[in-house]
Amino acid sequence: MNSPETTEERPAVRALLRNADFLRLWLVGAFANAMRWLETLASGLFAYEVTGSALAVAGVVAARQLPQLFFGAFAGAVSEAIDRKLIVMLALLLPASISTVLAALATTGHLALWHIALGNLAAGTMWSTEMSTRRRMVGEAAGPHIIQAIALDSSTNAATRMIGPLMGGFVFEWLGMRGVYTVTALVQFAGAFALAGLVHHQLTRRLMIARIPADIVDGLRFARTRPIILLVYGVTIVTNAFAFSYSGLVAPLGLGAFHVSPGLVGLLAAGEPLGALIGGTLIATGLMRMDRRLMFAGGASFFMVMLLIAAASPFYWLALAVLILGGFGTAGFGNMQTTLMLTEAPIEVRSRLMGIVTVCIGTGPLGVLGAGVLAREVGPRGAILVMATLGLAATLALVLALRRR
């Protein structure tokens, strides 16, 4: 027999799917994120084919994610003063324009690795606004169904991290970088057009550039009084820096260690997101429930254990299966990351605090670069083993320290 909580989840999901504003934000985000991950994997494959270096791959992938570290908190403060709908549309139009330029360079045979790295850096700057703008708008558009909305959006994000790399591997194999950038440009331009009809009401305050650092500091002061928010920040840093750093080594792991095709490299990259999609769906429908803090920190830890097994695996298909299983852990981590922030933070500081979450996510590229350096010495398998072990130890130490508070 279903519990009362479970039976209440299903009407909530149906209500969300009848909400036009939620649907626009949800679907546009899904397509845009798929294109981001498609480009990320394809740029790594291009870098490995050109250089044969795991460090070069890590550098190109890190360029796409690094702006979150430097601009995430700034984006959070700005999104409280500027129309968030406008910011989201710019975050689609500018990367689409960049993809158009890179597609033209690939078509004429002039595309170089530094062009891709620079394009990743510029597009990644706009990506740094995602958490404090579109993700926040998803929660606000959901009304009383915020937990179900975030779960549905998180599971969809997992689907885009699965579909994007999977498409990226095959599009790169069949059409090259010209096809990659043509597809991503068209989809992102279409997303901006679809979002134009969104009805979004926002109370804004005057934008004072000089005050943004003080606003960020105020947000950090508030966070210090809430151990749960500190838990979100700490585990987010550890998971992105030490666990998700494996994403920068997927291409050398697949091509160099497992000796598979670019298409199967894309499938390997899609493994963890596939598990996260299934797990996120179970959370959204109420079939998987547990304490939110346990689901958040425990899910991250479980994923790191699965990374250890996958890196040590002698077989490609075993590694893929283990990564799919690890995705159940990242489903709990990703869902509760946003849910805990939206339920623990007052509305007046929410964007600032979520902007700081983006900064925490932005430590991921540092981990990607660190894993790339390690891979030069111990190979991609050894690098993933070292990073996941350090991540597990850091997560345990953080949870024990915050429990005392």
Protein backbone atom coordinates (compact mmCIF):
# COMPACT_ATOMS: atom_id res chain seq x y z
CA MET A 1 0.00 0.00 0.00
CA ASN A 2 1.28 3.49 -0.86
CA SER A 3 2.01 5.88 1.97
CA PRO A 4 0.09 9.20 2.14
CA GLU A 5 3.29 11.03 1.18
CA THR A 6 3.74 8.89 -1.93
CA THR A 7 0.17 9.35 -3.13
CA GLU A 8 0.53 13.11 -2.72
CA GLU A 9 3.63 13.19 -4.95
CA ARG A 10 1.83 12.08 -8.10
CA PRO A 11 -0.79 14.85 -8.26
CA ALA A 12 2.03 17.32 -7.56
CA VAL A 13 3.98 16.12 -10.61
CA ARG A 14 0.84 16.26 -12.75
CA ALA A 15 0.19 19.83 -11.56
CA LEU A 16 3.73 20.83 -12.50
CA LEU A 17 3.34 19.40 -15.99
CA ARG A 18 0.23 21.57 -16.44
CA ASN A 19 2.13 24.70 -15.35
CA ALA A 20 3.16 26.52 -18.56
CA ASP A 21 5.88 28.64 -16.95
CA PHE A 22 7.42 25.64 -15.20
CA LEU A 23 7.32 23.67 -18.46
CA ARG A 24 9.19 26.42 -20.36
CA LEU A 25 11.92 26.69 -17.73
CA TRP A 26 12.19 22.94 -17.34
CA LEU A 27 12.36 22.03 -21.04
CA VAL A 28 14.60 24.92 -22.09
CA GLY A 29 16.98 24.03 -19.29
CA ALA A 30 16.96 20.39 -20.34
CA PHE A 31 17.88 21.09 -23.96
CA ALA A 32 20.46 23.76 -23.09
CA ASN A 33 22.21 21.56 -20.53
CA ALA A 34 22.32 18.65 -22.96
CA MET A 35 24.12 20.87 -25.45
CA ARG A 36 26.62 22.02 -22.81
CA TRP A 37 27.56 18.44 -21.97
CA LEU A 38 27.64 17.50 -25.66
CA GLU A 39 30.20 20.24 -26.30
CA THR A 40 32.19 19.36 -23.17
CA LEU A 41 32.72 15.74 -24.19
CA ALA A 42 33.36 16.57 -27.85
CA SER A 43 35.98 19.16 -26.91
CA GLY A 44 37.73 16.55 -24.74
CA LEU A 45 37.72 14.02 -27.59
CA PHE A 46 39.11 16.65 -29.97
CA ALA A 47 41.85 17.57 -27.49
CA TYR A 48 42.88 13.93 -26.98
CA GLU A 49 42.96 13.21 -30.72
CA VAL A 50 45.09 16.30 -31.38
CA THR A 51 47.51 16.00 -28.45
CA GLY A 52 47.19 12.52 -26.94
CA SER A 53 47.49 14.20 -23.54
CA ALA A 54 45.14 13.60 -20.60
CA LEU A 55 46.25 16.94 -19.17
CA ALA A 56 45.22 18.76 -22.36
CA VAL A 57 41.79 17.11 -22.15
CA ALA A 58 41.48 18.14 -18.51
CA GLY A 59 42.45 21.72 -19.38
CA VAL A 60 39.83 22.06 -22.13
CA VAL A 61 37.09 20.52 -19.95
CA ALA A 62 38.09 22.69 -16.99
CA ALA A 63 37.84 25.83 -19.13
CA ARG A 64 34.10 25.18 -19.54
CA GLN A 65 33.53 24.88 -15.78
CA LEU A 66 36.11 27.23 -14.27
CA PRO A 67 34.02 30.44 -14.59
CA GLN A 68 31.60 29.08 -12.00
CA LEU A 69 34.34 29.43 -9.40
CA PHE A 70 35.04 33.07 -10.20
CA PHE A 71 31.63 34.38 -11.28
CA GLY A 72 29.07 32.22 -9.43
CA ALA A 73 28.72 34.46 -6.37
CA PHE A 74 28.75 37.58 -8.55
CA ALA A 75 25.96 36.10 -10.70
CA GLY A 76 23.93 35.37 -7.57
CA ALA A 77 24.13 38.97 -6.39
CA VAL A 78 23.38 40.38 -9.86
CA SER A 79 20.33 38.13 -10.31
CA GLU A 80 18.66 39.85 -7.36
CA ALA A 81 18.88 43.20 -9.18
CA ILE A 82 18.43 42.29 -12.88
CA ASP A 83 15.52 40.45 -14.47
CA ARG A 84 16.41 36.76 -14.20
CA LYS A 85 14.53 35.98 -17.41
CA LEU A 86 16.85 38.33 -19.30
CA ILE A 87 19.92 36.68 -17.76
CA VAL A 88 18.70 33.19 -18.73
CA MET A 89 18.04 34.31 -22.32
CA LEU A 90 21.53 35.82 -22.58
CA ALA A 91 22.94 32.57 -21.20
CA LEU A 92 21.42 30.89 -24.26
CA LEU A 93 22.07 33.48 -26.95
CA LEU A 94 25.74 34.16 -26.23
CA PRO A 95 26.86 30.49 -26.17
CA ALA A 96 24.79 29.89 -29.32
CA SER A 97 26.67 32.72 -31.04
CA ILE A 98 30.00 31.27 -29.89
CA SER A 99 29.04 27.85 -31.25
CA THR A 100 28.14 29.47 -34.57
CA VAL A 101 31.62 31.01 -34.85
CA LEU A 102 33.33 27.72 -33.91
CA ALA A 103 31.20 25.81 -36.44
CA ALA A 104 32.34 28.24 -39.14
CA LEU A 105 35.99 27.75 -38.14
CA ALA A 106 35.56 23.96 -38.25
CA THR A 107 33.86 24.15 -41.66
CA THR A 108 36.75 26.16 -43.12
CA GLY A 109 39.38 23.90 -41.54
CA HIS A 110 40.78 26.59 -39.23
CA LEU A 111 39.53 25.26 -35.88
CA ALA A 112 42.35 24.98 -33.33
CA LEU A 113 42.46 23.73 -29.76
CA TRP A 114 42.89 27.25 -28.37
CA HIS A 115 39.69 28.32 -30.17
CA ILE A 116 37.78 25.57 -28.36
CA ALA A 117 39.35 26.38 -24.99
CA LEU A 118 38.49 30.07 -25.38
CA GLY A 119 34.95 29.22 -26.50
CA ASN A 120 34.50 26.92 -23.51
CA LEU A 121 35.69 29.67 -21.17
CA ALA A 122 33.29 32.27 -22.63
CA ALA A 123 30.29 29.92 -22.72
CA GLY A 124 31.12 28.69 -19.23
CA THR A 125 30.91 32.26 -17.94
CA MET A 126 27.24 32.33 -18.92
CA TRP A 127 26.75 28.83 -17.49
CA SER A 128 27.77 30.20 -14.08
CA THR A 129 24.38 31.96 -13.87
CA GLU A 130 22.38 28.69 -14.03
CA MET A 131 22.02 27.98 -10.31
CA SER A 132 21.00 31.48 -9.20
CA THR A 133 18.67 32.24 -12.15
CA ARG A 134 16.96 29.41 -14.03
CA ARG A 135 17.21 26.87 -11.19
CA ARG A 136 15.78 29.38 -8.72
CA MET A 137 13.00 30.31 -11.18
CA VAL A 138 12.07 26.63 -11.49
CA GLY A 139 11.50 26.46 -7.73
CA GLU A 140 9.53 29.70 -7.68
CA ALA A 141 7.33 28.71 -10.64
CA ALA A 142 6.44 25.47 -8.85
CA GLY A 143 4.59 27.18 -6.01
CA PRO A 144 3.76 24.66 -3.24
CA HIS A 145 5.33 21.79 -5.22
CA ILE A 146 8.91 23.02 -4.88
CA ILE A 147 10.43 19.71 -3.71
CA GLN A 148 8.86 17.77 -6.57
CA ALA A 149 9.87 20.48 -9.05
CA ILE A 150 13.51 20.42 -7.97
CA ALA A 151 13.53 16.61 -8.01
CA LEU A 152 12.09 16.59 -11.53
CA ASP A 153 14.53 19.27 -12.71
CA SER A 154 17.47 17.47 -11.09
CA SER A 155 16.57 14.14 -12.66
CA THR A 156 16.23 15.92 -15.99
CA ASN A 157 19.66 17.48 -15.51
CA ALA A 158 20.95 13.96 -14.97
CA ALA A 159 19.28 12.95 -18.23
CA THR A 160 21.02 15.80 -20.04
CA ARG A 161 24.38 14.73 -18.59
CA MET A 162 23.60 11.30 -20.04
CA ILE A 163 22.14 12.33 -23.42
CA GLY A 164 24.61 15.17 -24.04
CA PRO A 165 27.83 13.09 -23.81
CA LEU A 166 26.17 10.16 -25.57
CA MET A 167 25.20 12.42 -28.47
CA GLY A 168 28.58 14.16 -28.29
CA GLY A 169 30.49 10.91 -28.80
CA PHE A 170 28.48 9.86 -31.84
CA VAL A 171 28.10 13.33 -33.39
CA PHE A 172 31.87 13.82 -33.06
CA GLU A 173 32.52 10.40 -34.59
CA TRP A 174 30.12 10.93 -37.51
CA LEU A 175 30.11 14.69 -38.19
CA GLY A 176 33.20 16.09 -36.47
CA MET A 177 33.35 19.39 -34.62
CA ARG A 178 31.46 21.17 -37.39
CA GLY A 179 28.42 19.01 -36.66
CA VAL A 180 28.85 19.37 -32.90
CA TYR A 181 28.76 23.17 -32.96
CA THR A 182 26.03 23.39 -35.59
CA VAL A 183 23.70 21.25 -33.46
CA THR A 184 24.41 23.14 -30.23
CA ALA A 185 23.97 26.55 -31.86
CA LEU A 186 20.58 25.67 -33.35
CA VAL A 187 19.23 24.16 -30.13
CA GLN A 188 20.30 27.10 -27.95
CA PHE A 189 18.88 29.70 -30.35
CA ALA A 190 15.58 27.75 -30.32
CA GLY A 191 15.64 27.70 -26.50
CA ALA A 192 16.00 31.48 -26.29
CA PHE A 193 13.07 31.89 -28.68
CA ALA A 194 10.90 29.54 -26.60
CA LEU A 195 11.75 31.35 -23.38
CA ALA A 196 10.66 34.72 -24.78
CA GLY A 197 7.04 33.94 -23.93
CA LEU A 198 7.73 33.18 -20.26
CA VAL A 199 5.74 35.20 -17.73
CA HIS A 200 8.11 36.08 -14.89
CA HIS A 201 7.49 38.54 -12.08
CA GLN A 202 10.41 39.57 -9.93
CA LEU A 203 10.98 42.13 -7.22
CA THR A 204 14.34 43.70 -7.97
CA ARG A 205 16.55 46.02 -6.02
CA ARG A 206 18.93 48.63 -7.33
CA LEU A 207 22.10 47.17 -8.81
CA MET A 208 25.10 48.59 -6.97
CA ILE A 209 28.28 47.02 -8.33
CA ALA A 210 30.40 48.35 -5.48
CA ARG A 211 28.13 46.65 -2.95
CA ILE A 212 28.23 43.17 -4.50
CA PRO A 213 31.26 42.02 -2.44
CA ALA A 214 29.52 43.17 0.75
CA ASP A 215 26.34 41.32 -0.29
CA ILE A 216 28.34 38.14 -0.81
CA VAL A 217 30.00 38.56 2.60
CA ASP A 218 26.56 39.06 4.20
CA GLY A 219 25.44 35.80 2.63
CA LEU A 220 28.48 34.00 4.01
CA ARG A 221 27.84 35.44 7.49
CA PHE A 222 24.31 34.09 7.38
CA ALA A 223 25.53 30.70 6.16
CA ARG A 224 27.84 30.41 9.18
CA THR A 225 24.76 30.34 11.44
CA ARG A 226 23.19 27.40 9.59
CA PRO A 227 25.13 24.09 9.81
CA ILE A 228 22.95 22.54 7.10
CA ILE A 229 23.93 25.28 4.63
CA LEU A 230 27.57 24.78 5.60
CA LEU A 231 27.10 21.06 4.97
CA VAL A 232 25.78 21.84 1.49
CA TYR A 233 28.75 24.09 0.75
CA GLY A 234 31.37 21.70 2.11
CA VAL A 235 30.09 18.49 0.51
CA THR A 236 29.50 20.33 -2.77
CA ILE A 237 33.14 21.45 -2.84
CA VAL A 238 34.46 17.98 -2.01
CA THR A 239 32.20 16.15 -4.46
CA ASN A 240 32.91 18.47 -7.37
CA ALA A 241 36.64 18.73 -6.74
CA PHE A 242 37.37 15.08 -6.00
CA ALA A 243 34.52 12.98 -7.45
CA PHE A 244 33.23 14.77 -10.54
CA SER A 245 36.83 15.40 -11.59
CA TYR A 246 36.57 11.96 -13.22
CA SER A 247 34.66 13.65 -16.05
CA GLY A 248 37.88 15.19 -17.35
CA LEU A 249 39.43 11.72 -17.64
CA VAL A 250 36.57 9.92 -19.40
CA ALA A 251 38.13 10.39 -22.86
CA PRO A 252 41.63 9.11 -21.92
CA LEU A 253 40.10 6.34 -19.79
CA GLY A 254 37.90 5.12 -22.64
CA LEU A 255 40.32 5.65 -25.53
CA GLY A 256 43.58 4.89 -23.75
CA ALA A 257 42.72 2.39 -20.98
CA PHE A 258 39.68 0.51 -22.33
CA HIS A 259 40.56 1.07 -26.04
CA VAL A 260 36.98 1.70 -27.17
CA SER A 261 35.51 3.97 -29.87
CA PRO A 262 34.45 7.61 -29.32
CA GLY A 263 30.83 6.46 -29.34
CA LEU A 264 31.48 4.07 -26.46
CA VAL A 265 33.40 6.81 -24.66
CA GLY A 266 30.20 8.84 -24.85
CA LEU A 267 28.28 5.87 -23.44
CA LEU A 268 30.76 5.62 -20.55
CA ALA A 269 30.30 9.32 -19.82
CA ALA A 270 26.53 8.74 -19.86
CA GLY A 271 26.66 5.94 -17.27
CA GLU A 272 26.56 7.93 -14.03
CA PRO A 273 23.93 10.38 -15.36
CA LEU A 274 21.74 7.41 -16.38
CA GLY A 275 21.78 6.14 -12.81
CA ALA A 276 21.12 9.67 -11.55
CA LEU A 277 18.13 9.93 -13.90
CA ILE A 278 16.61 6.73 -12.54
CA GLY A 279 17.32 7.74 -8.95
CA GLY A 280 15.99 11.25 -9.46
CA THR A 281 12.79 9.85 -10.93
CA LEU A 282 12.34 7.64 -7.88
CA ILE A 283 12.79 10.69 -5.63
CA ALA A 284 10.39 12.83 -7.69
CA THR A 285 7.66 10.19 -7.52
CA GLY A 286 8.18 9.59 -3.80
CA LEU A 287 9.37 5.99 -4.21
CA MET A 288 12.76 6.76 -2.65
CA ARG A 289 12.65 8.72 0.59
CA MET A 290 15.06 9.25 3.47
CA ASP A 291 16.46 12.03 5.63
CA ARG A 292 17.50 14.88 3.33
CA ARG A 293 20.91 15.36 4.93
CA LEU A 294 21.65 11.63 4.73
CA MET A 295 20.54 11.50 1.10
CA PHE A 296 22.80 14.47 0.30
CA ALA A 297 26.07 13.49 2.03
CA GLY A 298 25.48 9.75 1.85
CA GLY A 299 24.70 9.91 -1.85
CA ALA A 300 27.95 11.74 -2.55
CA SER A 301 29.92 9.18 -0.53
CA PHE A 302 28.27 6.24 -2.28
CA PHE A 303 29.21 7.71 -5.66
CA MET A 304 32.86 7.97 -4.62
CA VAL A 305 32.89 4.31 -3.59
CA MET A 306 31.50 3.37 -7.01
CA LEU A 307 34.20 5.48 -8.67
CA LEU A 308 36.86 3.44 -6.86
CA ILE A 309 35.36 0.21 -8.18
CA ALA A 310 34.96 1.57 -11.73
CA ALA A 311 38.55 2.84 -11.89
CA ALA A 312 39.89 -0.53 -10.73
CA SER A 313 37.72 -2.48 -13.17
CA PRO A 314 39.60 -4.40 -15.89
CA PHE A 315 36.53 -4.43 -18.14
CA TYR A 316 34.74 -1.57 -19.89
CA TRP A 317 31.23 -2.97 -19.39
CA LEU A 318 31.78 -3.57 -15.67
CA ALA A 319 32.99 0.01 -15.25
CA LEU A 320 29.91 1.26 -17.10
CA ALA A 321 27.56 -0.79 -14.89
CA VAL A 322 29.22 0.45 -11.70
CA LEU A 323 29.02 4.08 -12.84
CA ILE A 324 25.29 3.64 -13.53
CA LEU A 325 24.87 2.35 -9.98
CA GLY A 326 26.90 5.29 -8.66
CA GLY A 327 24.42 7.60 -10.32
CA PHE A 328 21.85 6.72 -7.66
CA GLY A 329 24.18 8.44 -5.20
CA THR A 330 24.53 11.56 -7.29
CA ALA A 331 20.73 11.68 -7.64
CA GLY A 332 20.41 12.09 -3.88
CA PHE A 333 23.28 14.55 -3.78
CA GLY A 334 21.98 16.71 -6.65
CA ASN A 335 18.36 16.75 -5.54
CA MET A 336 19.08 17.66 -1.95
CA GLN A 337 21.73 20.23 -2.87
CA THR A 338 19.11 22.59 -4.26
CA THR A 339 16.23 21.46 -2.02
CA LEU A 340 18.17 22.08 1.19
CA MET A 341 19.17 25.56 0.00
CA LEU A 342 15.64 26.56 -1.03
CA THR A 343 14.12 25.26 2.21
CA GLU A 344 16.80 26.51 4.61
CA ALA A 345 17.55 29.96 3.13
CA PRO A 346 15.20 32.97 3.50
CA ILE A 347 13.99 34.34 0.20
CA GLU A 348 15.83 37.66 0.58
CA VAL A 349 19.27 35.99 0.57
CA ARG A 350 18.43 32.93 -1.52
CA SER A 351 20.07 33.99 -4.79
CA ARG A 352 23.23 35.09 -2.99
CA LEU A 353 23.50 31.79 -1.14
CA MET A 354 22.80 29.79 -4.28
CA GLY A 355 25.38 31.88 -6.11
CA ILE A 356 27.88 30.70 -3.48
CA VAL A 357 26.79 27.13 -4.24
CA THR A 358 27.81 27.84 -7.83
CA VAL A 359 31.23 28.93 -6.56
CA CYS A 360 31.49 25.65 -4.66
CA ILE A 361 30.58 23.77 -7.86
CA GLY A 362 33.22 25.86 -9.60
CA THR A 363 35.97 24.14 -7.63
CA GLY A 364 35.35 21.15 -9.91
CA PRO A 365 37.71 22.38 -12.66
CA LEU A 366 40.52 22.63 -10.12
CA GLY A 367 39.90 18.97 -9.37
CA VAL A 368 39.80 18.19 -13.10
CA LEU A 369 43.20 19.87 -13.55
CA GLY A 370 44.57 18.08 -10.49
CA ALA A 371 43.33 14.75 -11.84
CA GLY A 372 44.93 15.57 -15.19
CA VAL A 373 48.29 16.21 -13.54
CA LEU A 374 47.98 12.96 -11.56
CA ALA A 375 47.07 11.08 -14.75
CA ARG A 376 50.42 12.06 -16.27
CA GLU A 377 52.15 10.21 -13.43
CA VAL A 378 49.85 7.30 -12.59
CA GLY A 379 47.47 7.09 -15.56
CA PRO A 380 43.72 7.85 -15.64
CA ARG A 381 42.82 4.84 -13.48
CA GLY A 382 45.28 5.78 -10.74
CA ALA A 383 44.22 9.42 -10.82
CA ILE A 384 40.55 8.56 -10.28
CA LEU A 385 41.47 6.17 -7.44
CA VAL A 386 43.49 8.84 -5.65
CA MET A 387 40.91 11.59 -6.08
CA ALA A 388 37.94 9.44 -4.96
CA THR A 389 39.82 8.23 -1.88
CA LEU A 390 40.69 11.78 -0.85
CA GLY A 391 37.07 12.82 -1.44
CA LEU A 392 35.71 10.07 0.80
CA ALA A 393 38.09 11.01 3.62
CA ALA A 394 37.22 14.72 3.32
CA THR A 395 33.46 14.06 3.31
CA LEU A 396 33.68 11.93 6.44
CA ALA A 397 35.76 14.56 8.25
CA LEU A 398 33.33 17.32 7.25
CA VAL A 399 30.22 15.44 8.39
CA LEU A 400 31.78 14.59 11.73
CA ALA A 401 32.87 18.20 12.29
CA LEU A 402 29.41 19.63 11.50
CA ARG A 403 27.59 17.03 13.61
CA ARG A 404 29.29 18.51 16.67
CA ARG A 405 27.62 21.86 15.84
